[in-house]
Amino acid sequence: MADVAIRLQPRSKRNEVVGARGEAIVIRVTAPPVDGKANAALCAFVAKTVGVPGSAVEVVRGQTSRDKIIRVNGSSADDVRAALLR
């Protein structure tokens, strides 16, 4: 189980990892920040990028904030950061 800090930028042109800003990884998603759509898009994007099932990724803190903590079950924090930043 890995907890990773994310800085989310919704309503982008495409889903992508921008890079690291401090401890957080900056990720852009196309979904708007309405009704949890951006959080769902973030979880799906992280799951696909890291190579885990979608159900293994959840937002544990920052549901309505741009600064979030996500939890990825089945991977270490170092593995998740490496997969996102490659």
Protein backbone atom coordinates (compact mmCIF):
# COMPACT_ATOMS: atom_id res chain seq x y z
CA MET A 1 0.00 0.00 0.00
CA ALA A 2 1.49 3.32 -1.07
CA ASP A 3 0.36 6.86 -0.23
CA VAL A 4 1.51 9.46 -2.77
CA ALA A 5 1.03 13.26 -2.81
CA ILE A 6 -0.60 14.59 -5.98
CA ARG A 7 -1.23 18.12 -7.25
CA LEU A 8 -4.21 17.81 -9.62
CA GLN A 9 -4.94 20.20 -12.48
CA PRO A 10 -8.40 19.49 -13.92
CA ARG A 11 -9.82 20.64 -17.29
CA SER A 12 -6.56 20.10 -19.15
CA LYS A 13 -6.23 19.32 -22.86
CA ARG A 14 -5.02 15.77 -22.08
CA ASN A 15 -4.31 13.39 -19.23
CA GLU A 16 -0.60 13.62 -18.41
CA VAL A 17 2.04 13.73 -15.71
CA VAL A 18 3.70 17.15 -15.71
CA GLY A 19 6.48 16.34 -13.22
CA ALA A 20 7.28 16.81 -9.56
CA ARG A 21 6.74 19.94 -7.50
CA GLY A 22 8.30 19.43 -4.08
CA GLU A 23 7.00 16.13 -2.70
CA ALA A 24 3.91 16.15 -4.93
CA ILE A 25 3.56 14.78 -8.45
CA VAL A 26 1.69 17.18 -10.75
CA ILE A 27 -0.95 15.45 -12.90
CA ARG A 28 -3.34 17.02 -15.41
CA VAL A 29 -6.67 15.42 -16.32
CA THR A 30 -9.28 16.44 -18.88
CA ALA A 31 -12.24 15.94 -16.52
CA PRO A 32 -13.86 18.93 -14.80
CA PRO A 33 -13.77 19.21 -11.00
CA VAL A 34 -17.50 18.49 -10.71
CA ASP A 35 -19.23 15.60 -8.90
CA GLY A 36 -15.94 13.76 -8.33
CA LYS A 37 -15.22 13.41 -12.07
CA ALA A 38 -11.66 14.75 -11.77
CA ASN A 39 -10.93 12.39 -8.86
CA ALA A 40 -12.29 9.42 -10.85
CA ALA A 41 -10.20 10.42 -13.88
CA LEU A 42 -7.13 10.77 -11.65
CA CYS A 43 -7.61 7.30 -10.16
CA ALA A 44 -8.16 5.73 -13.59
CA PHE A 45 -5.10 7.48 -15.04
CA VAL A 46 -2.85 6.47 -12.13
CA ALA A 47 -4.09 2.87 -12.25
CA LYS A 48 -3.39 2.61 -15.99
CA THR A 49 0.04 4.26 -15.69
CA VAL A 50 1.18 2.18 -12.70
CA GLY A 51 -0.35 -1.03 -14.06
CA VAL A 52 -2.77 -1.89 -11.26
CA PRO A 53 -6.56 -2.43 -11.35
CA GLY A 54 -8.70 0.71 -11.07
CA SER A 55 -10.12 -0.52 -7.78
CA ALA A 56 -6.60 -0.43 -6.26
CA VAL A 57 -6.39 3.40 -6.44
CA GLU A 58 -8.33 5.76 -4.19
CA VAL A 59 -8.18 9.37 -3.02
CA VAL A 60 -7.70 9.24 0.76
CA ARG A 61 -7.31 12.97 1.46
CA GLY A 62 -8.18 16.14 -0.45
CA GLN A 63 -11.46 15.11 -2.10
CA THR A 64 -12.30 18.75 -2.95
CA SER A 65 -8.76 20.17 -3.06
CA ARG A 66 -6.15 20.27 -5.80
CA ASP A 67 -3.64 18.84 -3.32
CA LYS A 68 -4.47 15.19 -2.74
CA ILE A 69 -3.10 12.04 -1.18
CA ILE A 70 -3.85 8.91 -3.20
CA ARG A 71 -3.44 5.34 -1.99
CA VAL A 72 -2.32 2.61 -4.39
CA ASN A 73 -2.81 -0.91 -3.05
CA GLY A 74 -0.35 -3.53 -4.26
CA SER A 75 2.58 -1.17 -4.96
CA SER A 76 5.21 0.65 -2.94
CA ALA A 77 5.38 4.45 -2.89
CA ASP A 78 8.75 4.37 -4.69
CA ASP A 79 7.35 2.13 -7.45
CA VAL A 80 4.33 4.41 -7.93
CA ARG A 81 6.47 7.57 -8.08
CA ALA A 82 8.89 5.91 -10.53
CA ALA A 83 6.07 4.73 -12.79
CA LEU A 84 4.39 8.15 -12.84
CA LEU A 85 7.60 10.13 -13.40
CA ARG A 86 9.06 8.00 -16.20
